[in-house]
Amino acid sequence: MNIIAVQESAPHRKLCTDCGVSRTEDPSRCGYACQFISPDYATLEQQVHGRTRGSAGDIEPFFGVVKEMHQAALKPARQGAQWTGITTRLGEALLERGEVTAVLCVGPDPEDNWRPVPRLITSAADMASCRGMRMGYAPLLELLEPAIAAGHTRLAVIGIPCQIYALRALEAELGLEHLVVIGTPCSDNTTTEHFHEFLSLLDSNPEQINYLEFMPDFHVELRFVGGAKKRIPFLQLPIADLRDDFFPLTCRTCVDYVNTLSDITVGYMGGSGEQWLLVRNQRGQDTLEQIRPELSLKAPSSSGKRASAVKGFIENTRRATGGLPLRKMPQWLRPIVGKIMPLTGPKGLEFARTRLEMKAAESILHLRRAAPKRLRSMIPDHVWKLAAPYGITPDKDEC
């Protein structure tokens, strides 16, 4: 029988994405399990992957430990999937083969399809009900203790980076016989209520939108009940109209966009129109092998240059964190640049590297403004290295 979490208000914490640890029997574990207190990626990478990320080249310094990397698509694509359905299919395969007895993931709230609700899935047939993107905070790890109490010591977990960091920090004390972690990259989060406000700015009939995705060709794609589609260039999104707290400080200071502590990561960022798949260790490779015959796999592509885009982003972020108005592009120019960006902008792995350098700079600059004493403990060395080419280096009291 599947278990669904009962949503209640989370304990208030300044830097918290409500991963679920604070809702468990021992909430004090947040002190050493939280990504936003004193993350130790080097130790956990060694624990999970058997080694730390390499320091040379343009793969592992950006994306973490990588054993195998692909641009991938499930053939045929599954109806209702966010992309082609690889993440859900991995969970199904693990259950079908009996490698795990339950998959901990999120599904839609019965009252609001966009709101994520933690679910413990025990039947492969039920995985399909969890397809698609949700937006909001989901205390996924709240269900760890009920899962183990129900006898599920062979478990798979599908989660975003802040959830997976906490899971890995607690893994040794959970008493699990077998754990498979399928990670998805994150693209910032907000409350479900704020997300509905965003949808209302994108279309006059927001209640008809049933799909939203930020695409690697610099567009947002919307799909509607009835099958219609709409694409909006990034530059024409109403970002300036969003409330100041639309993205919380936690998401503005995330240091692990690509879910580096998962066994296998499945997402969009380096996929050039298909999914991006990173196998990080032997568990991840064994998991991939279960569905490899069902996949179209090819080497990820990479093109374009990221430096100017990152520099422009950093300049705007500096102005925002300094209380200055953003430098906005004239409205007449936006459609023109919106057409040029997909042709000349970074694509594939270069797009992924662009986003990670932007995120590294954003995290440091926002912490310097809002919580400067946290810089020393919250920013890992690999994030400082990503920001360094743009002149963002630690002061003597920040490292």
Protein backbone atom coordinates (compact mmCIF):
# COMPACT_ATOMS: atom_id res chain seq x y z
CA MET A 1 0.00 0.00 0.00
CA ASN A 2 1.40 3.42 -0.94
CA ILE A 3 1.99 6.04 1.75
CA ILE A 4 1.28 9.74 1.18
CA ALA A 5 2.60 12.45 3.49
CA VAL A 6 0.13 14.67 5.32
CA GLN A 7 1.11 18.27 4.57
CA GLU A 8 1.38 20.56 7.57
CA SER A 9 3.25 23.80 8.19
CA ALA A 10 6.99 23.31 8.59
CA PRO A 11 8.97 24.60 11.58
CA HIS A 12 10.26 28.07 10.68
CA ARG A 13 13.94 28.33 9.81
CA LYS A 14 15.65 31.18 7.97
CA LEU A 15 17.48 28.97 5.46
CA CYS A 16 15.31 25.90 4.93
CA THR A 17 13.71 24.19 1.94
CA ASP A 18 11.67 21.85 4.17
CA CYS A 19 13.42 18.67 2.98
CA GLY A 20 11.58 16.79 5.73
CA VAL A 21 14.32 16.17 8.29
CA SER A 22 12.86 18.78 10.66
CA ARG A 23 9.61 16.77 10.66
CA THR A 24 11.22 13.51 11.74
CA GLU A 25 11.49 12.15 15.28
CA ASP A 26 14.88 13.83 15.72
CA PRO A 27 14.78 17.27 14.06
CA SER A 28 18.11 18.16 15.68
CA ARG A 29 19.76 16.18 12.87
CA CYS A 30 19.23 19.26 10.69
CA GLY A 31 22.35 20.60 12.39
CA TYR A 32 24.60 18.23 10.46
CA ALA A 33 22.38 17.09 7.60
CA CYS A 34 21.39 20.46 6.11
CA GLN A 35 22.99 21.71 2.91
CA PHE A 36 22.53 25.29 4.15
CA ILE A 37 24.54 25.01 7.36
CA SER A 38 27.96 23.50 6.73
CA PRO A 39 27.96 21.25 3.66
CA ASP A 40 30.87 18.84 3.21
CA TYR A 41 30.71 17.67 -0.38
CA ALA A 42 34.22 16.22 -0.46
CA THR A 43 33.50 13.80 2.39
CA LEU A 44 30.12 12.77 1.03
CA GLU A 45 31.45 12.35 -2.52
CA GLN A 46 34.10 9.99 -1.18
CA GLN A 47 31.45 8.14 0.84
CA VAL A 48 28.98 7.83 -2.05
CA HIS A 49 31.18 7.53 -5.14
CA GLY A 50 34.44 6.19 -3.73
CA ARG A 51 36.32 9.33 -4.82
CA THR A 52 35.98 13.10 -5.01
CA ARG A 53 35.42 15.06 -8.20
CA GLY A 54 38.41 15.69 -10.45
CA SER A 55 39.95 19.16 -10.46
CA ALA A 56 40.97 19.32 -14.13
CA GLY A 57 39.03 19.64 -17.37
CA ASP A 58 35.55 21.00 -18.03
CA ILE A 59 33.40 18.11 -16.80
CA GLU A 60 33.89 17.14 -13.14
CA PRO A 61 34.80 20.62 -11.79
CA PHE A 62 31.35 21.67 -13.01
CA PHE A 63 29.19 18.56 -12.78
CA GLY A 64 30.74 16.48 -9.99
CA VAL A 65 31.86 12.85 -10.19
CA VAL A 66 30.90 11.42 -13.59
CA LYS A 67 31.36 7.82 -14.71
CA GLU A 68 29.25 8.03 -17.86
CA MET A 69 27.32 10.88 -19.50
CA HIS A 70 24.68 10.91 -22.24
CA GLN A 71 22.08 12.91 -24.07
CA ALA A 72 19.15 10.55 -23.69
CA ALA A 73 15.53 9.90 -24.57
CA LEU A 74 13.14 7.11 -23.67
CA LYS A 75 11.63 5.54 -26.79
CA PRO A 76 8.74 6.00 -27.05
CA ALA A 77 8.29 9.00 -24.79
CA ARG A 78 5.78 8.39 -22.01
CA GLN A 79 2.54 10.35 -22.04
CA GLY A 80 2.42 12.92 -19.26
CA ALA A 81 6.18 12.90 -18.70
CA GLN A 82 8.05 16.18 -18.25
CA TRP A 83 10.53 15.15 -20.96
CA THR A 84 10.43 11.53 -22.08
CA GLY A 85 9.89 9.76 -18.75
CA ILE A 86 13.36 8.39 -17.92
CA THR A 87 13.22 9.22 -14.21
CA THR A 88 9.85 7.55 -13.70
CA ARG A 89 10.88 4.57 -15.80
CA LEU A 90 13.96 4.01 -13.63
CA GLY A 91 11.73 3.86 -10.55
CA GLU A 92 9.39 1.43 -12.31
CA ALA A 93 12.26 -0.85 -13.34
CA LEU A 94 13.70 -0.98 -9.83
CA LEU A 95 10.32 -2.07 -8.47
CA GLU A 96 9.62 -4.51 -11.30
CA ARG A 97 12.90 -6.34 -10.76
CA GLY A 98 12.55 -6.37 -6.98
CA GLU A 99 15.77 -4.47 -6.42
CA VAL A 100 13.83 -2.16 -4.13
CA THR A 101 10.47 -2.59 -2.41
CA ALA A 102 9.52 1.09 -2.45
CA VAL A 103 10.36 4.35 -4.22
CA LEU A 104 10.23 7.59 -2.25
CA CYS A 105 9.32 10.47 -4.59
CA VAL A 106 6.73 13.23 -5.04
CA GLY A 107 3.37 13.23 -6.76
CA PRO A 108 0.62 15.81 -7.26
CA ASP A 109 -1.66 17.03 -4.53
CA PRO A 110 -5.25 15.86 -5.21
CA GLU A 111 -6.46 19.47 -4.94
CA ASP A 112 -3.65 21.14 -6.92
CA ASN A 113 -1.70 19.34 -9.64
CA TRP A 114 1.24 21.75 -9.26
CA ARG A 115 1.71 21.16 -5.53
CA PRO A 116 4.21 18.37 -4.66
CA VAL A 117 3.27 15.77 -2.07
CA PRO A 118 5.78 13.15 -0.85
CA ARG A 119 4.74 9.62 -1.73
CA LEU A 120 6.09 6.16 -1.01
CA ILE A 121 5.36 4.06 -4.09
CA THR A 122 5.37 0.27 -3.69
CA SER A 123 3.87 -0.77 -7.04
CA ALA A 124 5.56 -0.13 -10.39
CA ALA A 125 2.14 0.61 -11.92
CA ASP A 126 1.74 3.59 -9.59
CA MET A 127 4.96 5.33 -10.66
CA ALA A 128 3.18 6.85 -13.66
CA SER A 129 1.01 8.91 -11.32
CA CYS A 130 4.13 10.84 -10.27
CA ARG A 131 5.15 11.98 -13.76
CA GLY A 132 5.67 15.65 -14.47
CA MET A 133 6.99 18.72 -12.71
CA ARG A 134 5.70 20.06 -9.42
CA MET A 135 6.57 23.42 -7.90
CA GLY A 136 6.71 24.05 -4.17
CA TYR A 137 8.29 22.61 -1.05
CA ALA A 138 7.95 18.88 -0.44
CA PRO A 139 9.19 17.38 2.85
CA LEU A 140 10.28 14.21 1.07
CA LEU A 141 12.46 12.83 3.85
CA GLU A 142 9.57 12.97 6.32
CA LEU A 143 8.56 9.58 4.91
CA LEU A 144 11.92 7.90 5.56
CA GLU A 145 10.99 6.74 9.06
CA PRO A 146 7.51 5.45 8.07
CA ALA A 147 9.08 3.64 5.12
CA ILE A 148 11.68 1.89 7.26
CA ALA A 149 9.10 1.13 9.96
CA ALA A 150 6.99 -0.56 7.26
CA GLY A 151 9.93 -2.82 6.42
CA HIS A 152 11.26 -1.03 3.34
CA THR A 153 14.99 -1.35 3.87
CA ARG A 154 15.61 -1.69 0.12
CA LEU A 155 14.66 1.76 -1.04
CA ALA A 156 14.99 4.12 -4.01
CA VAL A 157 14.72 7.88 -3.55
CA ILE A 158 14.03 10.41 -6.31
CA GLY A 159 14.76 13.95 -5.19
CA ILE A 160 16.26 17.38 -5.74
CA PRO A 161 19.73 18.39 -4.48
CA CYS A 162 18.87 19.81 -1.04
CA GLN A 163 16.84 16.67 -0.26
CA ILE A 164 19.58 14.35 -1.47
CA TYR A 165 22.33 16.11 0.48
CA ALA A 166 20.39 15.56 3.70
CA LEU A 167 19.66 11.95 2.76
CA ARG A 168 23.35 11.23 2.18
CA ALA A 169 24.33 12.93 5.43
CA LEU A 170 21.92 10.63 7.29
CA GLU A 171 22.43 7.49 5.21
CA ALA A 172 24.88 5.73 7.51
CA GLU A 173 22.47 5.85 10.46
CA LEU A 174 19.29 4.79 8.64
CA GLY A 175 19.99 1.05 8.65
CA LEU A 176 19.04 0.57 5.01
CA GLU A 177 20.03 -2.66 3.31
CA HIS A 178 20.12 -1.08 -0.16
CA LEU A 179 19.63 2.50 -1.39
CA VAL A 180 19.44 3.80 -4.95
CA VAL A 181 19.36 7.57 -5.40
CA ILE A 182 17.99 9.10 -8.60
CA GLY A 183 18.57 12.83 -8.64
CA THR A 184 17.10 15.61 -10.73
CA PRO A 185 18.89 18.94 -11.20
CA CYS A 186 17.16 21.93 -9.67
CA SER A 187 16.24 25.21 -11.35
CA ASP A 188 15.22 27.20 -8.27
CA ASN A 189 12.01 26.73 -6.36
CA THR A 190 9.27 28.81 -4.84
CA THR A 191 6.03 28.23 -3.01
CA THR A 192 3.16 26.73 -4.96
CA GLU A 193 1.15 29.89 -4.28
CA HIS A 194 3.86 32.10 -5.77
CA PHE A 195 4.12 29.78 -8.76
CA HIS A 196 0.42 30.24 -9.49
CA GLU A 197 1.05 33.99 -9.54
CA PHE A 198 3.80 33.42 -12.10
CA LEU A 199 1.47 31.36 -14.29
CA SER A 200 -1.09 34.16 -14.19
CA LEU A 201 1.53 36.52 -15.64
CA LEU A 202 2.28 34.14 -18.50
CA ASP A 203 -1.24 33.63 -19.79
CA SER A 204 -4.75 34.96 -19.29
CA ASN A 205 -6.01 31.41 -18.60
CA PRO A 206 -3.43 30.08 -16.13
CA GLU A 207 -5.79 27.38 -14.85
CA GLN A 208 -5.54 25.74 -18.28
CA ILE A 209 -1.73 25.37 -18.12
CA ASN A 210 -0.73 21.79 -17.29
CA TYR A 211 2.95 21.85 -18.29
CA LEU A 212 5.83 24.31 -17.97
CA GLU A 213 9.48 23.77 -18.78
CA PHE A 214 12.53 25.98 -19.16
CA MET A 215 14.06 24.71 -22.39
CA PRO A 216 17.77 24.77 -23.34
CA ASP A 217 16.94 26.87 -26.41
CA PHE A 218 16.22 29.93 -24.21
CA HIS A 219 12.43 29.54 -24.24
CA VAL A 220 9.80 28.52 -21.72
CA GLU A 221 7.33 26.04 -23.15
CA LEU A 222 3.75 25.97 -21.88
CA ARG A 223 1.21 23.30 -22.67
CA PHE A 224 -2.50 23.59 -22.07
CA VAL A 225 -5.45 21.36 -21.37
CA GLY A 226 -6.66 20.46 -24.85
CA GLY A 227 -3.18 20.18 -26.38
CA ALA A 228 -2.25 23.77 -27.31
CA LYS A 229 1.35 24.93 -26.82
CA LYS A 230 2.96 28.31 -26.25
CA ARG A 231 6.65 29.26 -26.24
CA ILE A 232 8.00 32.39 -24.55
CA PRO A 233 11.61 33.60 -24.98
CA PHE A 234 13.47 33.94 -21.67
CA LEU A 235 13.99 37.66 -22.31
CA GLN A 236 10.24 38.24 -22.54
CA LEU A 237 9.38 36.54 -19.25
CA PRO A 238 7.81 38.90 -16.67
CA ILE A 239 10.60 38.40 -14.16
CA ALA A 240 10.58 42.08 -13.14
CA ASP A 241 6.92 41.74 -12.17
CA LEU A 242 7.56 38.99 -9.63
CA ARG A 243 7.49 39.75 -5.92
CA ASP A 244 10.93 40.30 -4.31
CA ASP A 245 10.71 37.10 -2.30
CA PHE A 246 9.54 34.93 -5.22
CA PHE A 247 12.80 32.95 -5.00
CA PRO A 248 13.81 32.41 -1.37
CA LEU A 249 17.36 32.96 -0.12
CA THR A 250 17.92 29.21 -0.03
CA CYS A 251 17.44 28.92 -3.79
CA ARG A 252 19.48 32.03 -4.46
CA THR A 253 22.37 30.43 -2.54
CA CYS A 254 22.17 26.80 -3.69
CA VAL A 255 25.60 25.22 -4.26
CA ASP A 256 24.52 21.97 -5.93
CA TYR A 257 22.32 22.59 -8.95
CA VAL A 258 23.27 19.26 -10.58
CA ASN A 259 22.60 16.87 -7.68
CA THR A 260 26.16 15.61 -7.39
CA LEU A 261 25.44 13.12 -4.58
CA SER A 262 22.91 11.06 -6.53
CA ASP A 263 23.87 7.71 -8.07
CA ILE A 264 22.39 8.80 -11.38
CA THR A 265 21.21 12.29 -12.36
CA VAL A 266 18.50 12.87 -14.96
CA GLY A 267 17.61 16.37 -16.08
CA TYR A 268 17.42 19.00 -18.77
CA MET A 269 20.37 21.32 -18.40
CA GLY A 270 22.90 19.76 -20.80
CA GLY A 271 20.49 17.86 -22.99
CA SER A 272 20.00 20.07 -26.09
CA GLY A 273 16.34 19.18 -26.43
CA GLU A 274 16.58 15.72 -24.87
CA GLN A 275 17.32 14.64 -21.35
CA TRP A 276 20.78 14.85 -19.83
CA LEU A 277 21.88 11.73 -18.01
CA LEU A 278 24.90 11.52 -15.69
CA VAL A 279 25.92 8.17 -14.23
CA ARG A 280 28.05 8.83 -11.16
CA ASN A 281 28.97 5.43 -9.73
CA GLN A 282 28.46 1.68 -10.11
CA ARG A 283 25.00 1.78 -8.51
CA GLY A 284 23.98 4.38 -11.04
CA GLN A 285 25.38 2.31 -13.89
CA ASP A 286 23.59 -0.83 -12.68
CA THR A 287 20.35 1.18 -12.53
CA LEU A 288 20.84 2.50 -16.05
CA GLU A 289 21.49 -1.00 -17.40
CA GLN A 290 17.98 -2.03 -16.40
CA ILE A 291 16.47 0.27 -19.04
CA ARG A 292 19.38 0.85 -21.46
CA PRO A 293 17.67 -1.10 -24.29
CA GLU A 294 14.72 1.30 -24.04
CA LEU A 295 16.87 4.41 -24.45
CA SER A 296 18.29 6.42 -27.29
CA LEU A 297 21.76 7.46 -26.09
CA LYS A 298 24.34 9.74 -27.68
CA ALA A 299 27.22 11.93 -26.61
CA PRO A 300 26.13 15.34 -25.30
CA SER A 301 26.78 18.22 -27.65
CA SER A 302 28.34 21.55 -26.72
CA SER A 303 28.56 24.84 -28.62
CA GLY A 304 28.69 28.59 -28.15
CA LYS A 305 30.53 30.72 -25.60
CA ARG A 306 29.33 31.43 -22.10
CA ALA A 307 31.60 34.21 -20.82
CA SER A 308 29.59 37.26 -21.94
CA ALA A 309 26.30 35.78 -20.70
CA VAL A 310 27.79 35.00 -17.30
CA LYS A 311 29.40 38.44 -17.00
CA GLY A 312 26.11 40.15 -17.81
CA PHE A 313 24.28 38.05 -15.25
CA ILE A 314 26.89 38.81 -12.58
CA GLU A 315 26.64 42.55 -13.24
CA ASN A 316 22.87 42.49 -12.83
CA THR A 317 23.17 40.35 -9.69
CA ARG A 318 25.69 42.78 -8.19
CA ARG A 319 23.28 45.64 -8.82
CA ALA A 320 20.35 43.73 -7.32
CA THR A 321 22.27 42.71 -4.19
CA GLY A 322 23.50 46.28 -3.86
CA GLY A 323 19.97 47.69 -3.97
CA LEU A 324 20.39 49.23 -7.44
CA PRO A 325 17.80 48.89 -10.24
CA LEU A 326 18.52 46.21 -12.81
CA ARG A 327 19.72 47.25 -16.22
CA LYS A 328 16.80 46.29 -18.41
CA MET A 329 16.90 45.71 -22.14
CA PRO A 330 14.59 48.00 -24.13
CA GLN A 331 11.31 46.31 -24.99
CA TRP A 332 11.79 46.83 -28.73
CA LEU A 333 15.13 45.00 -28.62
CA ARG A 334 13.97 41.95 -26.67
CA PRO A 335 12.24 40.10 -29.55
CA ILE A 336 15.33 40.60 -31.71
CA VAL A 337 17.76 39.32 -29.10
CA GLY A 338 15.28 36.55 -28.26
CA LYS A 339 15.64 35.27 -31.83
CA ILE A 340 19.43 35.61 -31.84
CA MET A 341 20.10 33.85 -28.51
CA PRO A 342 19.02 30.36 -29.64
CA LEU A 343 21.31 30.73 -32.66
CA THR A 344 24.43 32.13 -31.00
CA GLY A 345 24.08 31.40 -27.28
CA PRO A 346 25.68 28.51 -25.38
CA LYS A 347 24.03 25.14 -25.97
CA GLY A 348 24.30 21.64 -24.55
CA LEU A 349 27.10 21.24 -22.01
CA GLU A 350 28.16 24.84 -22.53
CA PHE A 351 24.65 25.93 -21.51
CA ALA A 352 24.97 23.77 -18.38
CA ARG A 353 28.34 25.29 -17.54
CA THR A 354 26.83 28.76 -18.07
CA ARG A 355 24.08 28.10 -15.54
CA LEU A 356 26.52 26.66 -12.99
CA GLU A 357 28.89 29.61 -13.18
CA MET A 358 25.92 31.96 -12.88
CA LYS A 359 24.68 30.03 -9.89
CA ALA A 360 28.07 30.03 -8.19
CA ALA A 361 28.33 33.81 -8.52
CA GLU A 362 24.72 34.34 -7.45
CA SER A 363 25.15 32.23 -4.32
CA ILE A 364 28.24 34.11 -3.18
CA LEU A 365 26.86 37.58 -3.92
CA HIS A 366 23.52 36.95 -2.21
CA LEU A 367 25.17 35.48 0.88
CA ARG A 368 27.53 38.46 1.08
CA ARG A 369 24.46 40.69 1.23
CA ALA A 370 22.06 38.68 3.36
CA ALA A 371 24.15 36.38 5.55
CA PRO A 372 27.87 37.21 5.26
CA LYS A 373 28.84 35.09 8.27
CA ARG A 374 27.53 32.02 6.42
CA LEU A 375 29.99 32.33 3.51
CA ARG A 376 32.81 30.56 5.32
CA SER A 377 30.74 27.46 6.06
CA MET A 378 28.22 27.37 3.20
CA ILE A 379 30.33 27.87 0.06
CA PRO A 380 32.35 24.76 -0.90
CA ASP A 381 35.72 25.07 -2.63
CA HIS A 382 34.32 23.86 -5.97
CA VAL A 383 31.86 26.78 -6.03
CA TRP A 384 34.58 29.36 -5.34
CA LYS A 385 36.56 27.86 -8.25
CA LEU A 386 33.61 28.31 -10.63
CA ALA A 387 33.28 31.97 -9.67
CA ALA A 388 37.00 32.77 -9.69
CA PRO A 389 37.37 33.42 -13.47
CA TYR A 390 34.93 36.31 -13.03
CA GLY A 391 36.91 37.98 -10.25
CA ILE A 392 34.77 36.62 -7.41
CA THR A 393 37.20 35.26 -4.82
CA PRO A 394 36.94 34.85 -1.04
CA ASP A 395 38.05 37.61 1.29
CA LYS A 396 40.34 36.51 4.10
CA ASP A 397 37.42 36.08 6.49
CA GLU A 398 35.34 34.12 3.96
CA CYS A 399 37.51 31.01 3.58
